[in-house]
Amino acid sequence: MKNFRDFIKKELNESIGVETKNRTKFLVQSVYTHYADHYSKNQPEVVGWMDGSENALIRNTKLYEAGIENEDSVLDVGCGVAHFYYFLENQGWKGKYLGVDPNEKAIKLIEDKIPSFCGTIDDIVGHSYDWVLASGVFNLGLKEQHTKWTIKNMIKVAKKGVIFNMLAAPYKDDNYVSYVPEEIKKWLEKFDHRKINIMENYMEENAEFTVYFYV
């Protein structure tokens, strides 16, 4: 019976993985390629952050404050055009970085010196990173099961922690996907961890929150 349950669980996980990749491909084709075509790579709008550079800086700062140290390795899931790489450099960081994003047009805008490739989190095989982060990845188009599948795969390759942000429910625009912070924390507690912190009240109207999951 246990083997059968494990088989069903494995099959379900693989099915959600395929569904997540297909939905992600649709989002890239219908939304994110448009941003890459119409905005400069130096603008936050090129990856869909439509609320300006100041708020983009606040988000990056909140990601960094999880505890990323100067020699730490970073896997940036949904890296866009690698804006977070430049933010890290400005903090004096000198670690290893890899950006992964399903949007080939965004990847092509990244400087050659920055390691990156077109793909998704499950393309990371045989490697681990101190920190695995995702910013703005779960706000649009992905259902809860797709988001959780992605986060589970992030946890698998993290050595120090996983960092991600989400829109806080209830969100003012129903076109976006939002979550209750405490519900996300409760779900994460089933994975092996040292500590989980939920960071709130750093944006106007408390519209989003950032999760620090320490492995």
N, C-alpha and C. Protein backbone atom coordinates (compact mmCIF):
# COMPACT_ATOMS: atom_id res chain seq x y z
N MET A 1 0.83 -1.21 0.00
CA MET A 1 0.00 0.00 0.00
C MET A 1 0.87 1.27 0.00
N LYS A 2 1.96 1.25 0.82
CA LYS A 2 2.84 2.41 0.88
C LYS A 2 3.47 2.68 -0.48
N ASN A 3 3.92 1.62 -1.16
CA ASN A 3 4.53 1.78 -2.47
C ASN A 3 3.54 2.37 -3.47
N PHE A 4 2.27 1.95 -3.36
CA PHE A 4 1.24 2.48 -4.25
C PHE A 4 1.00 3.96 -3.98
N ARG A 5 0.95 4.33 -2.68
CA ARG A 5 0.77 5.75 -2.35
C ARG A 5 1.94 6.58 -2.84
N ASP A 6 3.15 6.05 -2.70
CA ASP A 6 4.33 6.76 -3.18
C ASP A 6 4.29 6.92 -4.70
N PHE A 7 3.79 5.88 -5.38
CA PHE A 7 3.68 5.93 -6.84
C PHE A 7 2.69 7.02 -7.27
N ILE A 8 1.53 7.06 -6.61
CA ILE A 8 0.51 8.06 -6.94
C ILE A 8 1.04 9.46 -6.66
N LYS A 9 1.72 9.62 -5.53
CA LYS A 9 2.29 10.91 -5.17
C LYS A 9 3.31 11.38 -6.21
N LYS A 10 4.16 10.45 -6.65
CA LYS A 10 5.17 10.76 -7.67
C LYS A 10 4.50 11.15 -8.98
N GLU A 11 3.49 10.37 -9.40
CA GLU A 11 2.80 10.66 -10.65
C GLU A 11 2.10 12.01 -10.60
N LEU A 12 1.49 12.33 -9.45
CA LEU A 12 0.79 13.60 -9.30
C LEU A 12 1.78 14.75 -9.36
N ASN A 13 2.93 14.60 -8.70
CA ASN A 13 3.95 15.64 -8.70
C ASN A 13 4.47 15.89 -10.10
N GLU A 14 4.70 14.81 -10.85
CA GLU A 14 5.18 14.94 -12.23
C GLU A 14 4.14 15.62 -13.11
N SER A 15 2.87 15.29 -12.87
CA SER A 15 1.78 15.89 -13.64
C SER A 15 1.70 17.40 -13.38
N ILE A 16 1.81 17.79 -12.11
CA ILE A 16 1.79 19.21 -11.75
C ILE A 16 3.00 19.91 -12.35
N GLY A 17 4.15 19.23 -12.38
CA GLY A 17 5.34 19.81 -12.97
C GLY A 17 5.15 20.11 -14.44
N VAL A 18 4.57 19.17 -15.19
CA VAL A 18 4.30 19.39 -16.61
C VAL A 18 3.31 20.53 -16.80
N GLU A 19 2.28 20.55 -15.98
CA GLU A 19 1.26 21.60 -16.05
C GLU A 19 1.87 22.97 -15.74
N THR A 20 2.78 23.00 -14.75
CA THR A 20 3.43 24.26 -14.39
C THR A 20 4.27 24.79 -15.53
N LYS A 21 5.02 23.92 -16.17
CA LYS A 21 5.87 24.33 -17.28
C LYS A 21 5.03 24.82 -18.46
N ASN A 22 3.92 24.13 -18.73
CA ASN A 22 3.05 24.55 -19.84
C ASN A 22 2.42 25.91 -19.57
N ARG A 23 1.96 26.11 -18.33
CA ARG A 23 1.35 27.39 -17.97
C ARG A 23 2.39 28.51 -18.01
N THR A 24 3.60 28.20 -17.55
CA THR A 24 4.67 29.18 -17.58
C THR A 24 4.99 29.57 -19.03
N LYS A 25 5.04 28.60 -19.91
CA LYS A 25 5.29 28.87 -21.33
C LYS A 25 4.23 29.79 -21.91
N PHE A 26 2.97 29.54 -21.54
CA PHE A 26 1.88 30.38 -22.00
C PHE A 26 2.04 31.82 -21.49
N LEU A 27 2.39 31.97 -20.22
CA LEU A 27 2.57 33.30 -19.64
C LEU A 27 3.70 34.06 -20.33
N VAL A 28 4.78 33.36 -20.62
CA VAL A 28 5.90 34.00 -21.32
C VAL A 28 5.45 34.49 -22.68
N GLN A 29 4.76 33.65 -23.42
CA GLN A 29 4.35 33.99 -24.78
C GLN A 29 3.30 35.11 -24.80
N SER A 30 2.41 35.11 -23.84
CA SER A 30 1.29 36.05 -23.87
C SER A 30 1.55 37.36 -23.13
N VAL A 31 2.50 37.35 -22.18
CA VAL A 31 2.72 38.53 -21.33
C VAL A 31 4.17 39.00 -21.34
N TYR A 32 5.08 38.14 -20.92
CA TYR A 32 6.43 38.60 -20.59
C TYR A 32 7.30 38.92 -21.79
N THR A 33 7.06 38.28 -22.93
CA THR A 33 7.81 38.68 -24.12
C THR A 33 7.45 40.10 -24.54
N HIS A 34 6.21 40.50 -24.28
CA HIS A 34 5.77 41.86 -24.59
C HIS A 34 6.59 42.87 -23.79
N TYR A 35 6.80 42.61 -22.51
CA TYR A 35 7.59 43.52 -21.69
C TYR A 35 9.02 43.62 -22.22
N ALA A 36 9.61 42.48 -22.58
CA ALA A 36 10.99 42.47 -23.07
C ALA A 36 11.12 43.22 -24.39
N ASP A 37 10.05 43.24 -25.17
CA ASP A 37 10.08 43.93 -26.46
C ASP A 37 9.90 45.44 -26.33
N HIS A 38 9.23 45.89 -25.27
CA HIS A 38 8.80 47.29 -25.21
C HIS A 38 9.49 48.15 -24.16
N TYR A 39 10.32 47.55 -23.33
CA TYR A 39 10.99 48.34 -22.29
C TYR A 39 12.50 48.11 -22.35
N SER A 40 13.23 49.10 -21.88
CA SER A 40 14.68 48.99 -21.76
C SER A 40 15.03 47.95 -20.70
N LYS A 41 16.14 47.26 -20.88
CA LYS A 41 16.55 46.24 -19.90
C LYS A 41 16.90 46.85 -18.55
N ASN A 42 17.09 48.16 -18.50
CA ASN A 42 17.40 48.82 -17.24
C ASN A 42 16.16 49.22 -16.45
N GLN A 43 14.98 49.06 -17.05
CA GLN A 43 13.74 49.44 -16.38
C GLN A 43 13.12 48.24 -15.67
N PRO A 44 12.53 48.42 -14.49
CA PRO A 44 11.85 47.30 -13.83
C PRO A 44 10.66 46.79 -14.64
N GLU A 45 10.09 47.65 -15.48
CA GLU A 45 8.93 47.25 -16.29
C GLU A 45 9.27 46.15 -17.29
N VAL A 46 10.55 46.00 -17.63
CA VAL A 46 10.94 44.99 -18.62
C VAL A 46 10.62 43.57 -18.13
N VAL A 47 10.49 43.40 -16.81
CA VAL A 47 10.12 42.09 -16.26
C VAL A 47 8.75 42.11 -15.59
N GLY A 48 8.00 43.17 -15.81
CA GLY A 48 6.63 43.20 -15.31
C GLY A 48 6.39 43.95 -14.02
N TRP A 49 7.46 44.51 -13.41
CA TRP A 49 7.26 45.36 -12.23
C TRP A 49 6.85 46.74 -12.72
N MET A 50 5.57 47.06 -12.59
CA MET A 50 5.04 48.28 -13.19
C MET A 50 4.93 49.44 -12.20
N ASP A 51 5.47 49.27 -10.99
CA ASP A 51 5.31 50.32 -9.96
C ASP A 51 6.60 51.08 -9.68
N GLY A 52 7.56 51.02 -10.60
CA GLY A 52 8.70 51.93 -10.52
C GLY A 52 9.95 51.41 -9.86
N SER A 53 11.03 52.15 -10.08
CA SER A 53 12.36 51.75 -9.60
C SER A 53 12.48 51.78 -8.09
N GLU A 54 11.81 52.73 -7.45
CA GLU A 54 11.90 52.83 -5.98
C GLU A 54 11.36 51.58 -5.31
N ASN A 55 10.21 51.12 -5.76
CA ASN A 55 9.64 49.90 -5.18
C ASN A 55 10.47 48.66 -5.53
N ALA A 56 11.06 48.65 -6.73
CA ALA A 56 11.94 47.55 -7.11
C ALA A 56 13.13 47.48 -6.16
N LEU A 57 13.67 48.63 -5.79
CA LEU A 57 14.79 48.68 -4.85
C LEU A 57 14.38 48.16 -3.47
N ILE A 58 13.18 48.53 -3.04
CA ILE A 58 12.68 48.05 -1.74
C ILE A 58 12.59 46.52 -1.75
N ARG A 59 12.06 45.96 -2.85
CA ARG A 59 11.93 44.50 -2.94
C ARG A 59 13.29 43.81 -2.90
N ASN A 60 14.22 44.32 -3.68
CA ASN A 60 15.55 43.71 -3.72
C ASN A 60 16.23 43.79 -2.36
N THR A 61 16.06 44.91 -1.68
CA THR A 61 16.63 45.07 -0.35
C THR A 61 16.05 44.05 0.61
N LYS A 62 14.75 43.83 0.52
CA LYS A 62 14.10 42.87 1.42
C LYS A 62 14.58 41.45 1.13
N LEU A 63 14.81 41.11 -0.12
CA LEU A 63 15.38 39.80 -0.45
C LEU A 63 16.77 39.65 0.16
N TYR A 64 17.57 40.66 -0.01
CA TYR A 64 18.97 40.65 0.45
C TYR A 64 19.05 40.53 1.97
N GLU A 65 18.11 41.14 2.66
CA GLU A 65 18.14 41.17 4.12
C GLU A 65 17.87 39.81 4.77
N ALA A 66 17.57 38.81 3.97
CA ALA A 66 17.41 37.47 4.53
C ALA A 66 18.72 36.96 5.14
N GLY A 67 19.84 37.53 4.66
CA GLY A 67 21.13 37.13 5.22
C GLY A 67 22.15 36.70 4.19
N ILE A 68 21.99 37.14 2.95
CA ILE A 68 22.94 36.79 1.90
C ILE A 68 24.30 37.43 2.21
N GLU A 69 25.32 36.60 2.32
CA GLU A 69 26.66 37.09 2.63
C GLU A 69 27.49 37.23 1.35
N ASN A 70 28.61 37.94 1.47
CA ASN A 70 29.36 38.36 0.29
C ASN A 70 29.89 37.22 -0.57
N GLU A 71 30.12 36.05 0.01
CA GLU A 71 30.66 34.92 -0.76
C GLU A 71 29.60 33.87 -1.07
N ASP A 72 28.36 34.12 -0.70
CA ASP A 72 27.31 33.13 -0.89
C ASP A 72 26.95 32.95 -2.37
N SER A 73 26.56 31.73 -2.72
CA SER A 73 26.06 31.47 -4.06
C SER A 73 24.55 31.72 -4.10
N VAL A 74 24.07 32.19 -5.26
CA VAL A 74 22.67 32.58 -5.41
C VAL A 74 22.10 31.99 -6.70
N LEU A 75 20.98 31.30 -6.59
CA LEU A 75 20.21 30.88 -7.76
C LEU A 75 18.98 31.77 -7.83
N ASP A 76 18.85 32.50 -8.93
CA ASP A 76 17.77 33.47 -9.11
C ASP A 76 16.74 32.87 -10.06
N VAL A 77 15.63 32.38 -9.51
CA VAL A 77 14.59 31.70 -10.28
C VAL A 77 13.61 32.75 -10.83
N GLY A 78 13.45 32.76 -12.15
CA GLY A 78 12.67 33.82 -12.78
C GLY A 78 13.46 35.11 -12.75
N CYS A 79 14.71 35.02 -13.15
CA CYS A 79 15.66 36.14 -12.98
C CYS A 79 15.36 37.33 -13.87
N GLY A 80 14.52 37.15 -14.90
CA GLY A 80 14.28 38.26 -15.82
C GLY A 80 15.55 38.66 -16.55
N VAL A 81 15.96 39.91 -16.39
CA VAL A 81 17.20 40.38 -17.03
C VAL A 81 18.32 40.53 -16.00
N ALA A 82 18.21 39.82 -14.88
CA ALA A 82 19.24 39.75 -13.84
C ALA A 82 19.45 41.06 -13.09
N HIS A 83 18.38 41.79 -12.84
CA HIS A 83 18.49 43.02 -12.05
C HIS A 83 19.05 42.74 -10.66
N PHE A 84 18.69 41.58 -10.09
CA PHE A 84 19.15 41.31 -8.73
C PHE A 84 20.66 41.08 -8.68
N TYR A 85 21.24 40.61 -9.75
CA TYR A 85 22.70 40.45 -9.81
C TYR A 85 23.39 41.79 -9.60
N TYR A 86 22.90 42.82 -10.29
CA TYR A 86 23.52 44.14 -10.15
C TYR A 86 23.30 44.71 -8.75
N PHE A 87 22.13 44.43 -8.18
CA PHE A 87 21.89 44.87 -6.81
C PHE A 87 22.90 44.22 -5.87
N LEU A 88 23.13 42.94 -6.03
CA LEU A 88 24.10 42.24 -5.18
C LEU A 88 25.49 42.83 -5.33
N GLU A 89 25.87 43.08 -6.56
CA GLU A 89 27.19 43.68 -6.80
C GLU A 89 27.35 45.00 -6.07
N ASN A 90 26.29 45.79 -6.06
CA ASN A 90 26.34 47.09 -5.38
C ASN A 90 26.46 46.96 -3.87
N GLN A 91 26.16 45.78 -3.33
CA GLN A 91 26.31 45.54 -1.90
C GLN A 91 27.70 44.99 -1.56
N GLY A 92 28.55 44.82 -2.57
CA GLY A 92 29.88 44.28 -2.35
C GLY A 92 29.95 42.77 -2.44
N TRP A 93 28.86 42.16 -2.87
CA TRP A 93 28.79 40.70 -3.00
C TRP A 93 29.68 40.22 -4.13
N LYS A 94 30.35 39.08 -3.93
CA LYS A 94 31.26 38.53 -4.93
C LYS A 94 31.08 37.01 -5.10
N GLY A 95 29.91 36.53 -4.81
CA GLY A 95 29.67 35.09 -4.86
C GLY A 95 29.32 34.58 -6.25
N LYS A 96 28.94 33.32 -6.29
CA LYS A 96 28.53 32.67 -7.54
C LYS A 96 27.04 32.93 -7.78
N TYR A 97 26.69 33.23 -9.03
CA TYR A 97 25.31 33.53 -9.38
C TYR A 97 24.90 32.71 -10.59
N LEU A 98 23.66 32.26 -10.58
CA LEU A 98 23.05 31.68 -11.77
C LEU A 98 21.62 32.18 -11.87
N GLY A 99 21.28 32.72 -13.02
CA GLY A 99 19.91 33.15 -13.28
C GLY A 99 19.23 32.19 -14.23
N VAL A 100 17.98 31.84 -13.93
CA VAL A 100 17.21 30.97 -14.81
C VAL A 100 15.84 31.60 -15.03
N ASP A 101 15.42 31.64 -16.30
CA ASP A 101 14.14 32.24 -16.64
C ASP A 101 13.62 31.59 -17.91
N PRO A 102 12.31 31.32 -18.00
CA PRO A 102 11.75 30.70 -19.20
C PRO A 102 11.59 31.66 -20.38
N ASN A 103 11.83 32.95 -20.14
CA ASN A 103 11.67 33.96 -21.18
C ASN A 103 12.99 34.14 -21.93
N GLU A 104 13.08 33.54 -23.10
CA GLU A 104 14.33 33.59 -23.86
C GLU A 104 14.71 35.02 -24.25
N LYS A 105 13.72 35.86 -24.52
CA LYS A 105 14.02 37.25 -24.89
C LYS A 105 14.67 37.99 -23.73
N ALA A 106 14.22 37.73 -22.51
CA ALA A 106 14.84 38.36 -21.34
C ALA A 106 16.26 37.85 -21.15
N ILE A 107 16.45 36.55 -21.29
CA ILE A 107 17.79 35.97 -21.12
C ILE A 107 18.78 36.58 -22.11
N LYS A 108 18.34 36.82 -23.32
CA LYS A 108 19.22 37.39 -24.35
C LYS A 108 19.64 38.83 -24.03
N LEU A 109 18.90 39.50 -23.16
CA LEU A 109 19.25 40.87 -22.78
C LEU A 109 20.30 40.91 -21.68
N ILE A 110 20.59 39.76 -21.06
CA ILE A 110 21.55 39.71 -19.96
C ILE A 110 22.98 39.75 -20.49
N GLU A 111 23.83 40.52 -19.82
CA GLU A 111 25.23 40.59 -20.21
C GLU A 111 25.88 39.21 -20.18
N ASP A 112 26.83 39.01 -21.10
CA ASP A 112 27.49 37.71 -21.22
C ASP A 112 28.24 37.32 -19.94
N LYS A 113 28.67 38.30 -19.17
CA LYS A 113 29.45 37.99 -17.96
C LYS A 113 28.59 37.36 -16.86
N ILE A 114 27.28 37.44 -16.99
CA ILE A 114 26.38 36.96 -15.94
C ILE A 114 25.86 35.57 -16.32
N PRO A 115 26.19 34.53 -15.57
CA PRO A 115 25.72 33.18 -15.88
C PRO A 115 24.19 33.09 -15.83
N SER A 116 23.60 32.62 -16.91
CA SER A 116 22.14 32.51 -16.97
C SER A 116 21.77 31.55 -18.10
N PHE A 117 20.55 31.02 -18.01
CA PHE A 117 20.06 30.19 -19.11
C PHE A 117 18.54 30.20 -19.13
N CYS A 118 17.99 29.82 -20.27
CA CYS A 118 16.54 29.78 -20.44
C CYS A 118 16.03 28.43 -19.96
N GLY A 119 15.17 28.45 -18.92
CA GLY A 119 14.64 27.22 -18.38
C GLY A 119 13.82 27.48 -17.14
N THR A 120 13.60 26.42 -16.37
CA THR A 120 12.83 26.53 -15.13
C THR A 120 13.57 25.80 -14.00
N ILE A 121 13.03 25.86 -12.82
CA ILE A 121 13.71 25.37 -11.63
C ILE A 121 14.05 23.88 -11.73
N ASP A 122 13.23 23.08 -12.39
CA ASP A 122 13.52 21.65 -12.44
C ASP A 122 14.61 21.30 -13.45
N ASP A 123 15.14 22.32 -14.14
CA ASP A 123 16.31 22.10 -14.99
C ASP A 123 17.61 22.16 -14.20
N ILE A 124 17.51 22.53 -12.93
CA ILE A 124 18.69 22.56 -12.05
C ILE A 124 18.91 21.16 -11.50
N VAL A 125 19.87 20.45 -12.05
CA VAL A 125 20.11 19.06 -11.67
C VAL A 125 21.56 18.90 -11.23
N GLY A 126 21.75 18.33 -10.05
CA GLY A 126 23.09 18.04 -9.58
C GLY A 126 23.84 19.22 -9.02
N HIS A 127 23.15 20.31 -8.77
CA HIS A 127 23.80 21.50 -8.22
C HIS A 127 22.97 22.04 -7.05
N SER A 128 23.63 22.70 -6.11
CA SER A 128 22.92 23.37 -5.03
C SER A 128 23.54 24.74 -4.82
N TYR A 129 22.76 25.62 -4.18
CA TYR A 129 23.16 27.01 -3.99
C TYR A 129 22.84 27.40 -2.56
N ASP A 130 23.64 28.32 -2.02
CA ASP A 130 23.36 28.79 -0.67
C ASP A 130 21.95 29.34 -0.57
N TRP A 131 21.61 30.20 -1.51
CA TRP A 131 20.30 30.84 -1.51
C TRP A 131 19.60 30.63 -2.84
N VAL A 132 18.32 30.29 -2.76
CA VAL A 132 17.49 30.18 -3.96
C VAL A 132 16.34 31.15 -3.79
N LEU A 133 16.20 32.08 -4.73
CA LEU A 133 15.20 33.14 -4.56
C LEU A 133 14.32 33.28 -5.79
N ALA A 134 13.14 33.82 -5.56
CA ALA A 134 12.20 34.11 -6.64
C ALA A 134 11.46 35.40 -6.29
N SER A 135 11.54 36.37 -7.19
CA SER A 135 10.89 37.65 -6.95
C SER A 135 9.88 37.96 -8.06
N GLY A 136 8.61 38.07 -7.67
CA GLY A 136 7.58 38.38 -8.64
C GLY A 136 7.12 37.20 -9.47
N VAL A 137 7.59 36.02 -9.13
CA VAL A 137 7.30 34.84 -9.93
C VAL A 137 5.88 34.32 -9.71
N PHE A 138 5.35 34.52 -8.51
CA PHE A 138 4.09 33.88 -8.14
C PHE A 138 2.88 34.81 -8.17
N ASN A 139 3.03 35.95 -8.81
CA ASN A 139 1.97 36.98 -8.76
C ASN A 139 0.94 36.88 -9.87
N LEU A 140 1.28 36.19 -10.95
CA LEU A 140 0.42 36.25 -12.13
C LEU A 140 0.36 34.89 -12.82
N GLY A 141 -0.84 34.38 -12.99
CA GLY A 141 -1.04 33.26 -13.89
C GLY A 141 -0.81 31.87 -13.34
N LEU A 142 -0.04 31.73 -12.27
CA LEU A 142 0.20 30.40 -11.70
C LEU A 142 -0.80 30.11 -10.60
N LYS A 143 -1.40 28.93 -10.63
CA LYS A 143 -2.30 28.52 -9.56
C LYS A 143 -1.48 28.09 -8.35
N GLU A 144 -2.17 27.90 -7.23
CA GLU A 144 -1.48 27.57 -5.99
C GLU A 144 -0.63 26.31 -6.11
N GLN A 145 -1.14 25.28 -6.81
CA GLN A 145 -0.36 24.05 -6.93
C GLN A 145 0.91 24.25 -7.74
N HIS A 146 0.87 25.18 -8.71
CA HIS A 146 2.07 25.46 -9.51
C HIS A 146 3.10 26.21 -8.66
N THR A 147 2.62 27.14 -7.89
CA THR A 147 3.51 27.90 -7.00
C THR A 147 4.18 26.98 -5.99
N LYS A 148 3.42 26.12 -5.37
CA LYS A 148 3.98 25.23 -4.35
C LYS A 148 4.94 24.21 -4.97
N TRP A 149 4.66 23.76 -6.16
CA TRP A 149 5.58 22.85 -6.85
C TRP A 149 6.92 23.54 -7.08
N THR A 150 6.87 24.80 -7.49
CA THR A 150 8.10 25.55 -7.73
C THR A 150 8.89 25.74 -6.44
N ILE A 151 8.20 26.13 -5.37
CA ILE A 151 8.87 26.36 -4.09
C ILE A 151 9.50 25.07 -3.56
N LYS A 152 8.80 23.95 -3.70
CA LYS A 152 9.35 22.67 -3.26
C LYS A 152 10.65 22.35 -3.99
N ASN A 153 10.69 22.63 -5.27
CA ASN A 153 11.91 22.40 -6.05
C ASN A 153 13.02 23.38 -5.67
N MET A 154 12.65 24.58 -5.27
CA MET A 154 13.64 25.54 -4.78
C MET A 154 14.27 25.04 -3.49
N ILE A 155 13.44 24.51 -2.59
CA ILE A 155 13.94 24.01 -1.31
C ILE A 155 14.94 22.87 -1.53
N LYS A 156 14.71 22.03 -2.53
CA LYS A 156 15.57 20.88 -2.78
C LYS A 156 17.01 21.26 -3.08
N VAL A 157 17.22 22.45 -3.66
CA VAL A 157 18.58 22.82 -4.10
C VAL A 157 19.18 23.94 -3.26
N ALA A 158 18.54 24.27 -2.13
CA ALA A 158 19.02 25.35 -1.27
C ALA A 158 19.84 24.80 -0.11
N LYS A 159 20.98 25.43 0.17
CA LYS A 159 21.84 25.03 1.28
C LYS A 159 21.62 25.89 2.53
N LYS A 160 21.35 27.16 2.34
CA LYS A 160 21.11 28.06 3.48
C LYS A 160 19.65 28.49 3.58
N GLY A 161 19.03 28.76 2.45
CA GLY A 161 17.65 29.20 2.54
C GLY A 161 17.00 29.51 1.20
N VAL A 162 15.70 29.68 1.27
CA VAL A 162 14.87 30.04 0.12
C VAL A 162 14.18 31.36 0.44
N ILE A 163 14.17 32.26 -0.53
CA ILE A 163 13.58 33.58 -0.34
C ILE A 163 12.62 33.84 -1.50
N PHE A 164 11.41 34.28 -1.18
CA PHE A 164 10.47 34.63 -2.25
C PHE A 164 9.46 35.63 -1.74
N ASN A 165 8.87 36.37 -2.67
CA ASN A 165 7.81 37.31 -2.30
C ASN A 165 6.50 36.94 -2.98
N MET A 166 5.41 37.43 -2.37
CA MET A 166 4.06 37.16 -2.85
C MET A 166 3.19 38.37 -2.60
N LEU A 167 2.12 38.47 -3.35
CA LEU A 167 1.12 39.49 -3.06
C LEU A 167 0.26 39.02 -1.89
N ALA A 168 -0.09 39.94 -1.03
CA ALA A 168 -0.86 39.61 0.17
C ALA A 168 -2.36 39.68 -0.11
N ALA A 169 -3.07 38.64 0.30
CA ALA A 169 -4.52 38.59 0.14
C ALA A 169 -5.22 39.35 1.28
N PRO A 170 -6.34 40.00 0.97
CA PRO A 170 -6.93 40.14 -0.36
C PRO A 170 -6.23 41.25 -1.15
N TYR A 171 -5.96 40.99 -2.42
CA TYR A 171 -5.29 41.97 -3.27
C TYR A 171 -6.33 42.74 -4.07
N LYS A 172 -6.03 43.99 -4.37
CA LYS A 172 -7.01 44.89 -4.98
C LYS A 172 -7.38 44.52 -6.41
N ASP A 173 -6.55 43.75 -7.10
CA ASP A 173 -6.79 43.41 -8.50
C ASP A 173 -6.93 41.89 -8.61
N ASP A 174 -8.11 41.43 -9.00
CA ASP A 174 -8.38 40.00 -9.08
C ASP A 174 -7.62 39.30 -10.20
N ASN A 175 -6.98 40.07 -11.09
CA ASN A 175 -6.20 39.46 -12.15
C ASN A 175 -4.89 38.87 -11.64
N TYR A 176 -4.54 39.22 -10.41
CA TYR A 176 -3.30 38.74 -9.82
C TYR A 176 -3.60 37.69 -8.75
N VAL A 177 -2.60 36.88 -8.45
CA VAL A 177 -2.75 35.80 -7.47
C VAL A 177 -2.16 36.27 -6.14
N SER A 178 -2.90 36.12 -5.06
CA SER A 178 -2.43 36.57 -3.75
C SER A 178 -2.59 35.46 -2.71
N TYR A 179 -1.88 35.62 -1.59
CA TYR A 179 -1.83 34.58 -0.58
C TYR A 179 -1.90 35.17 0.82
N VAL A 180 -2.35 34.36 1.77
CA VAL A 180 -2.37 34.74 3.18
C VAL A 180 -1.03 34.33 3.79
N PRO A 181 -0.26 35.27 4.32
CA PRO A 181 1.07 34.94 4.84
C PRO A 181 1.11 33.77 5.82
N GLU A 182 0.20 33.75 6.77
CA GLU A 182 0.22 32.69 7.79
C GLU A 182 -0.09 31.32 7.19
N GLU A 183 -0.90 31.29 6.15
CA GLU A 183 -1.20 30.02 5.49
C GLU A 183 0.03 29.48 4.75
N ILE A 184 0.79 30.37 4.14
CA ILE A 184 2.03 29.97 3.48
C ILE A 184 3.03 29.46 4.52
N LYS A 185 3.13 30.15 5.64
CA LYS A 185 4.05 29.71 6.69
C LYS A 185 3.66 28.33 7.21
N LYS A 186 2.38 28.11 7.43
CA LYS A 186 1.91 26.81 7.94
C LYS A 186 2.25 25.70 6.95
N TRP A 187 2.08 25.94 5.66
CA TRP A 187 2.41 24.94 4.65
C TRP A 187 3.91 24.65 4.65
N LEU A 188 4.74 25.68 4.76
CA LEU A 188 6.19 25.51 4.73
C LEU A 188 6.72 24.74 5.94
N GLU A 189 5.99 24.77 7.03
CA GLU A 189 6.45 24.13 8.26
C GLU A 189 6.57 22.61 8.13
N LYS A 190 5.98 22.03 7.11
CA LYS A 190 6.09 20.57 6.93
C LYS A 190 7.42 20.17 6.31
N PHE A 191 8.19 21.14 5.80
CA PHE A 191 9.50 20.85 5.25
C PHE A 191 10.57 21.07 6.33
N ASP A 192 11.65 20.32 6.25
CA ASP A 192 12.74 20.49 7.20
C ASP A 192 13.28 21.91 7.13
N HIS A 193 13.41 22.55 8.28
CA HIS A 193 13.87 23.94 8.29
C HIS A 193 14.38 24.30 9.68
N ARG A 194 15.16 25.37 9.73
CA ARG A 194 15.61 25.91 11.01
C ARG A 194 14.67 26.99 11.51
N LYS A 195 14.16 27.78 10.53
CA LYS A 195 13.36 28.95 10.91
C LYS A 195 12.62 29.45 9.69
N ILE A 196 11.46 30.05 9.92
CA ILE A 196 10.70 30.69 8.84
C ILE A 196 10.28 32.07 9.32
N ASN A 197 10.65 33.08 8.57
CA ASN A 197 10.25 34.45 8.88
C ASN A 197 9.39 35.01 7.75
N ILE A 198 8.32 35.69 8.13
CA ILE A 198 7.47 36.38 7.17
C ILE A 198 7.67 37.88 7.36
N MET A 199 8.13 38.56 6.33
CA MET A 199 8.40 39.99 6.38
C MET A 199 7.25 40.75 5.74
N GLU A 200 6.64 41.64 6.52
CA GLU A 200 5.48 42.40 6.05
C GLU A 200 5.68 43.90 6.33
N ASN A 201 4.72 44.70 5.90
CA ASN A 201 4.66 46.13 6.22
C ASN A 201 5.84 46.93 5.67
N TYR A 202 6.36 46.53 4.53
CA TYR A 202 7.45 47.29 3.92
C TYR A 202 7.04 47.97 2.61
N MET A 203 5.83 47.69 2.15
CA MET A 203 5.31 48.32 0.94
C MET A 203 4.02 49.07 1.27
N GLU A 204 3.66 49.99 0.41
CA GLU A 204 2.41 50.73 0.60
C GLU A 204 1.23 49.77 0.66
N GLU A 205 0.31 50.05 1.55
CA GLU A 205 -0.92 49.27 1.71
C GLU A 205 -0.64 47.80 2.07
N ASN A 206 0.62 47.50 2.49
CA ASN A 206 0.98 46.12 2.84
C ASN A 206 0.58 45.14 1.75
N ALA A 207 0.84 45.53 0.50
CA ALA A 207 0.36 44.78 -0.65
C ALA A 207 1.12 43.48 -0.90
N GLU A 208 2.26 43.30 -0.27
CA GLU A 208 3.00 42.07 -0.50
C GLU A 208 3.80 41.68 0.74
N PHE A 209 4.36 40.50 0.71
CA PHE A 209 5.19 40.04 1.82
C PHE A 209 6.32 39.18 1.25
N THR A 210 7.38 39.04 2.04
CA THR A 210 8.54 38.25 1.65
C THR A 210 8.77 37.16 2.67
N VAL A 211 9.07 35.97 2.18
CA VAL A 211 9.28 34.81 3.04
C VAL A 211 10.76 34.46 3.08
N TYR A 212 11.29 34.28 4.30
CA TYR A 212 12.62 33.74 4.51
C TYR A 212 12.48 32.33 5.08
N PHE A 213 12.87 31.35 4.28
CA PHE A 213 12.82 29.95 4.72
C PHE A 213 14.25 29.49 4.88
N TYR A 214 14.67 29.27 6.14
CA TYR A 214 16.04 28.90 6.43
C TYR A 214 16.16 27.38 6.54
N VAL A 215 17.02 26.81 5.71
CA VAL A 215 17.17 25.36 5.65
C VAL A 215 17.94 24.86 6.88
